[in-house]
């Protein structure tokens, strides 16, 4: 269905989502990896886009200050400074495509939640939620019930 939305065949859609091999003379000569779903997904305007990162690199290369770059892009100076510090080797070695790739990788990071790994903790929290306890009350109850087991504690935000 998504392939139809963008106007390509179903086969092309499968190739994009699963990747495919390229052949020359009947022999495999390469592999085209699947599209990274976080890389192609539209992201919020509060995050820097690839185009903005390229513009930052161009403006840095032309000698503009962080404040001038921020004013040009309509962003905070601290946002630009953090971006350059995080994704460069010195001021003159900012690499926008590497920065974009690292940004996508950070968004894609999946971590296993502690409550999903611990069945006892999951059951305890689930039981208290069924009794209509608030996450704050559950947090305090866990601290009280398991004072010497930090692994049995959750913040209210984690329970939400």
C-alpha atoms as a PDB file:
ATOM      1  CA  UNK A   1       0.000   0.000   0.000  1.00  0.00           C
ATOM      2  CA  UNK A   2       2.801   2.449   0.786  1.00  0.00           C
ATOM      3  CA  UNK A   3       4.380   1.768  -2.615  1.00  0.00           C
ATOM      4  CA  UNK A   4       1.131   2.781  -4.298  1.00  0.00           C
ATOM      5  CA  UNK A   5       1.054   6.002  -2.236  1.00  0.00           C
ATOM      6  CA  UNK A   6       4.433   7.104  -3.621  1.00  0.00           C
ATOM      7  CA  UNK A   7       3.675   5.870  -7.138  1.00  0.00           C
ATOM      8  CA  UNK A   8       5.985   2.865  -7.476  1.00  0.00           C
ATOM      9  CA  UNK A   9       5.367  -0.832  -8.033  1.00  0.00           C
ATOM     10  CA  UNK A  10       4.907  -3.278  -5.192  1.00  0.00           C
ATOM     11  CA  UNK A  11       8.213  -4.909  -6.155  1.00  0.00           C
ATOM     12  CA  UNK A  12      10.046  -1.588  -5.827  1.00  0.00           C
ATOM     13  CA  UNK A  13       8.458  -1.087  -2.414  1.00  0.00           C
ATOM     14  CA  UNK A  14       9.600  -4.543  -1.287  1.00  0.00           C
ATOM     15  CA  UNK A  15      13.109  -3.831  -2.589  1.00  0.00           C
ATOM     16  CA  UNK A  16      13.241  -0.567  -0.652  1.00  0.00           C
ATOM     17  CA  UNK A  17      12.044  -2.156   2.579  1.00  0.00           C
ATOM     18  CA  UNK A  18      14.038  -5.411   2.386  1.00  0.00           C
ATOM     19  CA  UNK A  19      17.061  -4.492   0.282  1.00  0.00           C
ATOM     20  CA  UNK A  20      18.147  -6.358  -2.836  1.00  0.00           C
ATOM     21  CA  UNK A  21      21.147  -7.795  -4.672  1.00  0.00           C
ATOM     22  CA  UNK A  22      22.483  -6.386  -7.921  1.00  0.00           C
ATOM     23  CA  UNK A  23      23.646  -8.721 -10.661  1.00  0.00           C
ATOM     24  CA  UNK A  24      25.975  -8.384 -13.633  1.00  0.00           C
ATOM     25  CA  UNK A  25      26.439 -11.281 -16.022  1.00  0.00           C
ATOM     26  CA  UNK A  26      24.474 -13.579 -13.744  1.00  0.00           C
ATOM     27  CA  UNK A  27      26.780 -12.979 -10.774  1.00  0.00           C
ATOM     28  CA  UNK A  28      26.012 -10.964  -7.659  1.00  0.00           C
ATOM     29  CA  UNK A  29      28.068  -7.771  -7.763  1.00  0.00           C
ATOM     30  CA  UNK A  30      26.551  -5.840  -4.907  1.00  0.00           C
ATOM     31  CA  UNK A  31      23.914  -5.502  -2.243  1.00  0.00           C
ATOM     32  CA  UNK A  32      21.663  -2.484  -1.843  1.00  0.00           C
ATOM     33  CA  UNK A  33      20.708  -2.302   1.842  1.00  0.00           C
ATOM     34  CA  UNK A  34      17.113  -1.623   2.885  1.00  0.00           C
ATOM     35  CA  UNK A  35      16.144   1.957   3.603  1.00  0.00           C
ATOM     36  CA  UNK A  36      16.549   2.864   7.257  1.00  0.00           C
ATOM     37  CA  UNK A  37      13.004   3.531   8.444  1.00  0.00           C
ATOM     38  CA  UNK A  38      14.134   6.314  10.796  1.00  0.00           C
ATOM     39  CA  UNK A  39      16.137   7.971   8.025  1.00  0.00           C
ATOM     40  CA  UNK A  40      13.180   8.262   5.651  1.00  0.00           C
ATOM     41  CA  UNK A  41      10.595   9.146   8.274  1.00  0.00           C
ATOM     42  CA  UNK A  42       9.619  12.796   8.526  1.00  0.00           C
ATOM     43  CA  UNK A  43      10.943  14.286  11.734  1.00  0.00           C
ATOM     44  CA  UNK A  44       9.820  17.210  13.815  1.00  0.00           C
ATOM     45  CA  UNK A  45      10.990  20.688  12.806  1.00  0.00           C
ATOM     46  CA  UNK A  46      12.576  21.112  16.223  1.00  0.00           C
ATOM     47  CA  UNK A  47      15.378  18.761  15.118  1.00  0.00           C
ATOM     48  CA  UNK A  48      18.006  19.825  12.617  1.00  0.00           C
ATOM     49  CA  UNK A  49      17.434  18.505   9.109  1.00  0.00           C
ATOM     50  CA  UNK A  50      20.085  17.252   6.724  1.00  0.00           C
ATOM     51  CA  UNK A  51      19.727  20.430   4.682  1.00  0.00           C
ATOM     52  CA  UNK A  52      20.334  22.580   7.755  1.00  0.00           C
ATOM     53  CA  UNK A  53      23.412  20.523   8.615  1.00  0.00           C
ATOM     54  CA  UNK A  54      24.782  21.041   5.102  1.00  0.00           C
ATOM     55  CA  UNK A  55      24.100  24.771   5.409  1.00  0.00           C
ATOM     56  CA  UNK A  56      25.938  24.823   8.775  1.00  0.00           C
ATOM     57  CA  UNK A  57      28.960  23.176   7.136  1.00  0.00           C
ATOM     58  CA  UNK A  58      28.925  25.706   4.273  1.00  0.00           C
ATOM     59  CA  UNK A  59      28.632  28.673   6.631  1.00  0.00           C
ATOM     60  CA  UNK A  60      31.382  27.328   8.909  1.00  0.00           C
ATOM     61  CA  UNK A  61      33.611  26.831   5.894  1.00  0.00           C
ATOM     62  CA  UNK A  62      33.019  30.415   4.795  1.00  0.00           C
ATOM     63  CA  UNK A  63      34.093  31.657   8.253  1.00  0.00           C
ATOM     64  CA  UNK A  64      30.761  32.680   9.775  1.00  0.00           C
ATOM     65  CA  UNK A  65      30.395  32.744  13.549  1.00  0.00           C
ATOM     66  CA  UNK A  66      27.993  30.512  15.490  1.00  0.00           C
ATOM     67  CA  UNK A  67      25.717  33.514  16.091  1.00  0.00           C
ATOM     68  CA  UNK A  68      25.607  34.387  12.396  1.00  0.00           C
ATOM     69  CA  UNK A  69      24.852  30.779  11.479  1.00  0.00           C
ATOM     70  CA  UNK A  70      22.115  30.611  14.114  1.00  0.00           C
ATOM     71  CA  UNK A  71      20.549  33.835  12.852  1.00  0.00           C
ATOM     72  CA  UNK A  72      20.679  32.598   9.250  1.00  0.00           C
ATOM     73  CA  UNK A  73      18.947  29.329  10.129  1.00  0.00           C
ATOM     74  CA  UNK A  74      16.546  30.834  12.671  1.00  0.00           C
ATOM     75  CA  UNK A  75      17.909  28.592  15.428  1.00  0.00           C
ATOM     76  CA  UNK A  76      19.397  29.168  18.847  1.00  0.00           C
ATOM     77  CA  UNK A  77      23.138  29.811  19.020  1.00  0.00           C
ATOM     78  CA  UNK A  78      23.473  27.048  21.603  1.00  0.00           C
ATOM     79  CA  UNK A  79      21.796  24.568  19.230  1.00  0.00           C
ATOM     80  CA  UNK A  80      24.349  25.322  16.537  1.00  0.00           C
ATOM     81  CA  UNK A  81      27.264  25.248  18.987  1.00  0.00           C
ATOM     82  CA  UNK A  82      26.165  21.868  20.398  1.00  0.00           C
ATOM     83  CA  UNK A  83      25.698  20.450  16.905  1.00  0.00           C
ATOM     84  CA  UNK A  84      29.167  21.535  15.791  1.00  0.00           C
ATOM     85  CA  UNK A  85      30.796  20.348  19.022  1.00  0.00           C
ATOM     86  CA  UNK A  86      29.051  16.972  18.899  1.00  0.00           C
ATOM     87  CA  UNK A  87      29.727  16.218  15.242  1.00  0.00           C
ATOM     88  CA  UNK A  88      33.093  17.669  14.338  1.00  0.00           C
ATOM     89  CA  UNK A  89      36.791  17.338  14.833  1.00  0.00           C
ATOM     90  CA  UNK A  90      37.573  20.957  15.466  1.00  0.00           C
ATOM     91  CA  UNK A  91      35.667  23.854  13.941  1.00  0.00           C
ATOM     92  CA  UNK A  92      36.944  23.223  10.418  1.00  0.00           C
ATOM     93  CA  UNK A  93      36.080  19.523  10.256  1.00  0.00           C
ATOM     94  CA  UNK A  94      32.301  19.453  10.642  1.00  0.00           C
ATOM     95  CA  UNK A  95      30.860  16.647   8.520  1.00  0.00           C
ATOM     96  CA  UNK A  96      27.107  17.154   7.888  1.00  0.00           C
ATOM     97  CA  UNK A  97      26.407  13.728   6.369  1.00  0.00           C
ATOM     98  CA  UNK A  98      28.101  11.905   9.252  1.00  0.00           C
ATOM     99  CA  UNK A  99      26.183  14.156  11.654  1.00  0.00           C
ATOM    100  CA  UNK A 100      22.888  13.228   9.975  1.00  0.00           C
ATOM    101  CA  UNK A 101      23.736   9.513  10.042  1.00  0.00           C
ATOM    102  CA  UNK A 102      24.613   9.696  13.757  1.00  0.00           C
ATOM    103  CA  UNK A 103      21.397  11.619  14.453  1.00  0.00           C
ATOM    104  CA  UNK A 104      19.338   8.926  12.729  1.00  0.00           C
ATOM    105  CA  UNK A 105      21.175   6.222  14.669  1.00  0.00           C
ATOM    106  CA  UNK A 106      20.458   7.992  17.964  1.00  0.00           C
ATOM    107  CA  UNK A 107      16.752   8.183  17.127  1.00  0.00           C
ATOM    108  CA  UNK A 108      16.687   4.525  16.123  1.00  0.00           C
ATOM    109  CA  UNK A 109      18.229   3.311  19.348  1.00  0.00           C
ATOM    110  CA  UNK A 110      15.868   0.791  20.877  1.00  0.00           C
ATOM    111  CA  UNK A 111      16.381  -0.058  24.486  1.00  0.00           C
ATOM    112  CA  UNK A 112      14.662  -2.789  26.405  1.00  0.00           C
ATOM    113  CA  UNK A 113      12.644  -1.380  29.244  1.00  0.00           C
ATOM    114  CA  UNK A 114      13.324  -2.804  32.663  1.00  0.00           C
ATOM    115  CA  UNK A 115       9.643  -3.439  33.317  1.00  0.00           C
ATOM    116  CA  UNK A 116       9.451  -5.598  30.168  1.00  0.00           C
ATOM    117  CA  UNK A 117      12.386  -7.756  31.323  1.00  0.00           C
ATOM    118  CA  UNK A 118      11.264  -8.337  34.896  1.00  0.00           C
ATOM    119  CA  UNK A 119       8.053 -10.344  35.082  1.00  0.00           C
ATOM    120  CA  UNK A 120       7.617  -9.807  38.827  1.00  0.00           C
ATOM    121  CA  UNK A 121       7.982  -6.040  38.483  1.00  0.00           C
ATOM    122  CA  UNK A 122       5.597  -6.058  35.500  1.00  0.00           C
ATOM    123  CA  UNK A 123       2.987  -8.039  37.449  1.00  0.00           C
ATOM    124  CA  UNK A 124       3.321  -5.854  40.555  1.00  0.00           C
ATOM    125  CA  UNK A 125       2.929  -2.600  38.603  1.00  0.00           C
ATOM    126  CA  UNK A 126       0.082  -4.040  36.519  1.00  0.00           C
ATOM    127  CA  UNK A 127      -1.782  -5.163  39.619  1.00  0.00           C
ATOM    128  CA  UNK A 128      -1.459  -1.726  41.239  1.00  0.00           C
ATOM    129  CA  UNK A 129      -2.560   0.011  38.038  1.00  0.00           C
ATOM    130  CA  UNK A 130      -5.660  -2.194  37.936  1.00  0.00           C
ATOM    131  CA  UNK A 131      -6.413  -1.009  41.457  1.00  0.00           C
ATOM    132  CA  UNK A 132      -6.266   2.527  40.003  1.00  0.00           C
ATOM    133  CA  UNK A 133      -3.100   3.578  41.814  1.00  0.00           C
ATOM    134  CA  UNK A 134      -1.300   6.579  40.325  1.00  0.00           C
ATOM    135  CA  UNK A 135       2.263   6.144  39.021  1.00  0.00           C
ATOM    136  CA  UNK A 136       3.507   8.309  41.897  1.00  0.00           C
ATOM    137  CA  UNK A 137       1.789   6.032  44.427  1.00  0.00           C
ATOM    138  CA  UNK A 138       3.208   2.952  42.695  1.00  0.00           C
ATOM    139  CA  UNK A 139       6.690   4.465  42.798  1.00  0.00           C
ATOM    140  CA  UNK A 140       6.432   5.054  46.559  1.00  0.00           C
ATOM    141  CA  UNK A 141       4.965   1.577  47.127  1.00  0.00           C
ATOM    142  CA  UNK A 142       7.851  -0.069  45.264  1.00  0.00           C
ATOM    143  CA  UNK A 143      10.392   1.876  47.333  1.00  0.00           C
ATOM    144  CA  UNK A 144       8.608   0.833  50.517  1.00  0.00           C
ATOM    145  CA  UNK A 145       8.122  -2.816  49.562  1.00  0.00           C
ATOM    146  CA  UNK A 146      11.630  -3.381  48.099  1.00  0.00           C
ATOM    147  CA  UNK A 147      13.965  -1.044  50.018  1.00  0.00           C
ATOM    148  CA  UNK A 148      17.132  -3.054  49.290  1.00  0.00           C
ATOM    149  CA  UNK A 149      16.359  -3.881  45.652  1.00  0.00           C
ATOM    150  CA  UNK A 150      16.993  -0.919  43.331  1.00  0.00           C
ATOM    151  CA  UNK A 151      16.077  -3.117  40.360  1.00  0.00           C
ATOM    152  CA  UNK A 152      12.477  -3.188  41.658  1.00  0.00           C
ATOM    153  CA  UNK A 153      12.030   0.589  41.447  1.00  0.00           C
ATOM    154  CA  UNK A 154      10.620   2.671  38.634  1.00  0.00           C
ATOM    155  CA  UNK A 155      10.155   6.381  38.230  1.00  0.00           C
ATOM    156  CA  UNK A 156       6.607   7.631  37.716  1.00  0.00           C
ATOM    157  CA  UNK A 157       7.578   8.627  34.163  1.00  0.00           C
ATOM    158  CA  UNK A 158       8.573   5.023  33.391  1.00  0.00           C
ATOM    159  CA  UNK A 159       5.233   3.786  34.669  1.00  0.00           C
ATOM    160  CA  UNK A 160       3.319   6.244  32.473  1.00  0.00           C
END
